[in-house]
Amino acid sequence: MLKLTQFAPLGASHRDTLTLPYEARQKSRLLAKTDSGAKVGLFLPRGTVLRGGDLLTGPESGVVLIRAAPEPVSVARTDDALLFARACYHLGNRHVALQIAPGELRYLADHVLDDMVRGLGLEVSRESAPFEPESGAYHGHGH
């Protein structure tokens, strides 16, 4: 089993990829299989959240590229800045992880939240896409 214990330098060449959904990318300890089927163990500092494009390595010196897996997400769209801000406020007030792009919000699929966001006046659809939420105002990506 390949042990992944730290971030590799940016631009390092990788020998394999590990595709994980958001929930798994939040775990500091995880047993998984790479996309080629190799067994890996994540042994990272607590609080580490992996992003698509991160590179991990360990004592065996192999480098593995992290990919964000497509997963069911709700996508809310509007061109109205006030409606957009209100939706961000109400979802954030519920501590919902949000991926924010111009005119578009993504969150893990949830029909109750979908109804609330529609009630605010946004269009909501379901998609299968990688989910990369905001890391938060006080969270640095320290590598």
C-alpha atoms as a PDB file:
ATOM      1  CA  MET A   1       0.000   0.000   0.000  1.00  0.00           C
ATOM      2  CA  LEU A   2       1.253   3.452  -0.941  1.00  0.00           C
ATOM      3  CA  LYS A   3       1.138   5.852   2.023  1.00  0.00           C
ATOM      4  CA  LEU A   4       0.318   9.440   1.154  1.00  0.00           C
ATOM      5  CA  THR A   5       1.412  11.721   3.981  1.00  0.00           C
ATOM      6  CA  GLN A   6       2.122  15.149   2.504  1.00  0.00           C
ATOM      7  CA  PHE A   7       1.631  17.472  -0.431  1.00  0.00           C
ATOM      8  CA  ALA A   8       4.089  17.106  -3.296  1.00  0.00           C
ATOM      9  CA  PRO A   9       5.642  20.197  -4.902  1.00  0.00           C
ATOM     10  CA  LEU A  10       3.492  21.929  -7.510  1.00  0.00           C
ATOM     11  CA  GLY A  11       4.332  20.682 -10.978  1.00  0.00           C
ATOM     12  CA  ALA A  12       5.677  17.307  -9.800  1.00  0.00           C
ATOM     13  CA  SER A  13       4.929  14.501 -12.228  1.00  0.00           C
ATOM     14  CA  HIS A  14       2.443  11.971 -10.906  1.00  0.00           C
ATOM     15  CA  ARG A  15       2.322   8.238 -11.419  1.00  0.00           C
ATOM     16  CA  ASP A  16      -1.354   7.710 -10.640  1.00  0.00           C
ATOM     17  CA  THR A  17      -4.610   9.521  -9.905  1.00  0.00           C
ATOM     18  CA  LEU A  18      -7.073   9.238  -7.043  1.00  0.00           C
ATOM     19  CA  THR A  19     -10.627  10.359  -7.789  1.00  0.00           C
ATOM     20  CA  LEU A  20     -12.685  11.134  -4.693  1.00  0.00           C
ATOM     21  CA  PRO A  21     -16.024  12.800  -3.896  1.00  0.00           C
ATOM     22  CA  TYR A  22     -16.044  15.860  -1.644  1.00  0.00           C
ATOM     23  CA  GLU A  23     -16.906  13.908   1.510  1.00  0.00           C
ATOM     24  CA  ALA A  24     -13.850  11.652   1.107  1.00  0.00           C
ATOM     25  CA  ARG A  25     -11.582  14.620   0.278  1.00  0.00           C
ATOM     26  CA  GLN A  26     -12.303  16.005   3.765  1.00  0.00           C
ATOM     27  CA  LYS A  27     -10.911  12.952   5.573  1.00  0.00           C
ATOM     28  CA  SER A  28      -7.376  13.024   6.925  1.00  0.00           C
ATOM     29  CA  ARG A  29      -7.317   9.219   7.299  1.00  0.00           C
ATOM     30  CA  LEU A  30      -8.679   7.155   4.421  1.00  0.00           C
ATOM     31  CA  LEU A  31      -8.035   3.842   2.716  1.00  0.00           C
ATOM     32  CA  ALA A  32      -8.805   3.945  -1.003  1.00  0.00           C
ATOM     33  CA  LYS A  33      -7.796   2.665  -4.426  1.00  0.00           C
ATOM     34  CA  THR A  34      -6.271   4.819  -7.121  1.00  0.00           C
ATOM     35  CA  ASP A  35      -7.854   4.992 -10.543  1.00  0.00           C
ATOM     36  CA  SER A  36      -5.470   2.227 -11.668  1.00  0.00           C
ATOM     37  CA  GLY A  37      -6.471   0.012  -8.711  1.00  0.00           C
ATOM     38  CA  ALA A  38      -3.455   0.485  -6.404  1.00  0.00           C
ATOM     39  CA  LYS A  39      -4.193   0.561  -2.674  1.00  0.00           C
ATOM     40  CA  VAL A  40      -3.387   3.857  -0.935  1.00  0.00           C
ATOM     41  CA  GLY A  41      -3.735   5.183   2.554  1.00  0.00           C
ATOM     42  CA  LEU A  42      -4.117   8.867   3.313  1.00  0.00           C
ATOM     43  CA  PHE A  43      -2.377   9.932   6.511  1.00  0.00           C
ATOM     44  CA  LEU A  44      -2.653  13.726   6.411  1.00  0.00           C
ATOM     45  CA  PRO A  45      -2.808  16.417   9.094  1.00  0.00           C
ATOM     46  CA  ARG A  46      -6.262  16.777  10.634  1.00  0.00           C
ATOM     47  CA  GLY A  47      -8.387  19.407   8.939  1.00  0.00           C
ATOM     48  CA  THR A  48      -6.809  18.867   5.515  1.00  0.00           C
ATOM     49  CA  VAL A  49      -9.294  19.227   2.656  1.00  0.00           C
ATOM     50  CA  LEU A  50      -8.082  17.984  -0.713  1.00  0.00           C
ATOM     51  CA  ARG A  51      -8.860  19.832  -3.928  1.00  0.00           C
ATOM     52  CA  GLY A  52      -8.842  18.591  -7.488  1.00  0.00           C
ATOM     53  CA  GLY A  53      -5.311  19.107  -8.786  1.00  0.00           C
ATOM     54  CA  ASP A  54      -3.575  18.557  -5.441  1.00  0.00           C
ATOM     55  CA  LEU A  55      -0.515  16.320  -5.558  1.00  0.00           C
ATOM     56  CA  LEU A  56       0.256  13.949  -2.690  1.00  0.00           C
ATOM     57  CA  THR A  57       3.351  11.930  -1.884  1.00  0.00           C
ATOM     58  CA  GLY A  58       4.795   9.875   0.932  1.00  0.00           C
ATOM     59  CA  PRO A  59       7.810   7.852   2.083  1.00  0.00           C
ATOM     60  CA  GLU A  60       7.708   5.666  -1.041  1.00  0.00           C
ATOM     61  CA  SER A  61       8.119   8.920  -3.042  1.00  0.00           C
ATOM     62  CA  GLY A  62       5.366   8.165  -5.566  1.00  0.00           C
ATOM     63  CA  VAL A  63       3.190  11.158  -6.484  1.00  0.00           C
ATOM     64  CA  VAL A  64      -0.585  10.838  -6.842  1.00  0.00           C
ATOM     65  CA  LEU A  65      -2.838  13.472  -8.428  1.00  0.00           C
ATOM     66  CA  ILE A  66      -6.168  14.130  -6.675  1.00  0.00           C
ATOM     67  CA  ARG A  67      -9.248  14.512  -8.863  1.00  0.00           C
ATOM     68  CA  ALA A  68     -12.661  15.695  -7.707  1.00  0.00           C
ATOM     69  CA  ALA A  69     -15.206  13.023  -8.632  1.00  0.00           C
ATOM     70  CA  PRO A  70     -18.417  14.013 -10.379  1.00  0.00           C
ATOM     71  CA  GLU A  71     -21.293  13.779  -7.915  1.00  0.00           C
ATOM     72  CA  PRO A  72     -24.932  14.901  -7.715  1.00  0.00           C
ATOM     73  CA  VAL A  73     -25.052  18.662  -7.215  1.00  0.00           C
ATOM     74  CA  SER A  74     -27.780  21.249  -7.293  1.00  0.00           C
ATOM     75  CA  VAL A  75     -26.956  24.212  -9.495  1.00  0.00           C
ATOM     76  CA  ALA A  76     -28.747  27.512  -8.852  1.00  0.00           C
ATOM     77  CA  ARG A  77     -28.453  30.260 -11.448  1.00  0.00           C
ATOM     78  CA  THR A  78     -29.485  33.896 -11.729  1.00  0.00           C
ATOM     79  CA  ASP A  79     -28.256  37.078 -13.387  1.00  0.00           C
ATOM     80  CA  ASP A  80     -29.798  39.152 -10.581  1.00  0.00           C
ATOM     81  CA  ALA A  81     -27.020  40.135  -8.136  1.00  0.00           C
ATOM     82  CA  LEU A  82     -29.452  40.738  -5.260  1.00  0.00           C
ATOM     83  CA  LEU A  83     -31.113  37.328  -5.644  1.00  0.00           C
ATOM     84  CA  PHE A  84     -27.663  35.741  -5.869  1.00  0.00           C
ATOM     85  CA  ALA A  85     -26.526  37.466  -2.663  1.00  0.00           C
ATOM     86  CA  ARG A  86     -29.730  36.471  -0.847  1.00  0.00           C
ATOM     87  CA  ALA A  87     -29.277  32.823  -1.858  1.00  0.00           C
ATOM     88  CA  CYS A  88     -25.633  32.883  -0.693  1.00  0.00           C
ATOM     89  CA  TYR A  89     -26.736  34.423   2.608  1.00  0.00           C
ATOM     90  CA  HIS A  90     -29.523  31.924   3.293  1.00  0.00           C
ATOM     91  CA  LEU A  91     -27.444  28.885   2.293  1.00  0.00           C
ATOM     92  CA  GLY A  92     -24.447  30.145   4.261  1.00  0.00           C
ATOM     93  CA  ASN A  93     -26.681  30.761   7.269  1.00  0.00           C
ATOM     94  CA  ARG A  94     -27.435  27.025   7.143  1.00  0.00           C
ATOM     95  CA  HIS A  95     -23.692  26.221   6.918  1.00  0.00           C
ATOM     96  CA  VAL A  96     -24.103  24.694   3.473  1.00  0.00           C
ATOM     97  CA  ALA A  97     -20.844  24.142   1.591  1.00  0.00           C
ATOM     98  CA  LEU A  98     -21.064  26.294  -1.559  1.00  0.00           C
ATOM     99  CA  GLN A  99     -19.164  26.448  -4.809  1.00  0.00           C
ATOM    100  CA  ILE A 100     -19.581  29.992  -6.092  1.00  0.00           C
ATOM    101  CA  ALA A 101     -19.093  31.148  -9.685  1.00  0.00           C
ATOM    102  CA  PRO A 102     -20.442  34.201 -11.524  1.00  0.00           C
ATOM    103  CA  GLY A 103     -24.240  33.853 -11.494  1.00  0.00           C
ATOM    104  CA  GLU A 104     -24.049  30.227 -10.315  1.00  0.00           C
ATOM    105  CA  LEU A 105     -24.093  28.399  -6.972  1.00  0.00           C
ATOM    106  CA  ARG A 106     -23.445  24.687  -6.505  1.00  0.00           C
ATOM    107  CA  TYR A 107     -24.160  22.616  -3.424  1.00  0.00           C
ATOM    108  CA  LEU A 108     -24.540  18.903  -2.806  1.00  0.00           C
ATOM    109  CA  ALA A 109     -27.959  17.867  -4.108  1.00  0.00           C
ATOM    110  CA  ASP A 110     -30.709  18.440  -1.546  1.00  0.00           C
ATOM    111  CA  HIS A 111     -34.383  18.787  -2.479  1.00  0.00           C
ATOM    112  CA  VAL A 112     -35.224  20.832   0.639  1.00  0.00           C
ATOM    113  CA  LEU A 113     -32.524  23.394  -0.188  1.00  0.00           C
ATOM    114  CA  ASP A 114     -33.619  23.331  -3.835  1.00  0.00           C
ATOM    115  CA  ASP A 115     -37.152  24.342  -2.797  1.00  0.00           C
ATOM    116  CA  MET A 116     -35.821  27.143  -0.580  1.00  0.00           C
ATOM    117  CA  VAL A 117     -33.587  28.528  -3.360  1.00  0.00           C
ATOM    118  CA  ARG A 118     -36.403  28.331  -5.910  1.00  0.00           C
ATOM    119  CA  GLY A 119     -38.578  30.200  -3.402  1.00  0.00           C
ATOM    120  CA  LEU A 120     -35.981  32.980  -3.421  1.00  0.00           C
ATOM    121  CA  GLY A 121     -36.416  33.247  -7.207  1.00  0.00           C
ATOM    122  CA  LEU A 122     -33.441  31.315  -8.616  1.00  0.00           C
ATOM    123  CA  GLU A 123     -33.557  28.564 -11.219  1.00  0.00           C
ATOM    124  CA  VAL A 124     -32.309  25.241  -9.845  1.00  0.00           C
ATOM    125  CA  SER A 125     -31.245  22.160 -11.790  1.00  0.00           C
ATOM    126  CA  ARG A 126     -29.475  18.916 -10.938  1.00  0.00           C
ATOM    127  CA  GLU A 127     -26.176  17.919 -12.509  1.00  0.00           C
ATOM    128  CA  SER A 128     -23.387  15.436 -12.028  1.00  0.00           C
ATOM    129  CA  ALA A 129     -20.222  17.488 -11.651  1.00  0.00           C
ATOM    130  CA  PRO A 130     -17.102  17.805  -9.492  1.00  0.00           C
ATOM    131  CA  PHE A 131     -17.858  19.759  -6.305  1.00  0.00           C
ATOM    132  CA  GLU A 132     -15.194  22.240  -5.146  1.00  0.00           C
ATOM    133  CA  PRO A 133     -16.767  24.436  -2.456  1.00  0.00           C
ATOM    134  CA  GLU A 134     -15.260  27.577  -0.979  1.00  0.00           C
ATOM    135  CA  SER A 135     -12.702  26.759   1.697  1.00  0.00           C
ATOM    136  CA  GLY A 136     -13.878  29.517   4.045  1.00  0.00           C
ATOM    137  CA  ALA A 137     -12.525  32.878   5.104  1.00  0.00           C
ATOM    138  CA  TYR A 138     -10.223  31.508   7.789  1.00  0.00           C
ATOM    139  CA  HIS A 139      -8.903  28.457   5.981  1.00  0.00           C
ATOM    140  CA  GLY A 140      -5.603  28.710   4.146  1.00  0.00           C
ATOM    141  CA  HIS A 141      -4.466  26.135   1.621  1.00  0.00           C
ATOM    142  CA  GLY A 142      -1.072  25.782   3.228  1.00  0.00           C
ATOM    143  CA  HIS A 143       0.992  23.934   0.659  1.00  0.00           C
END
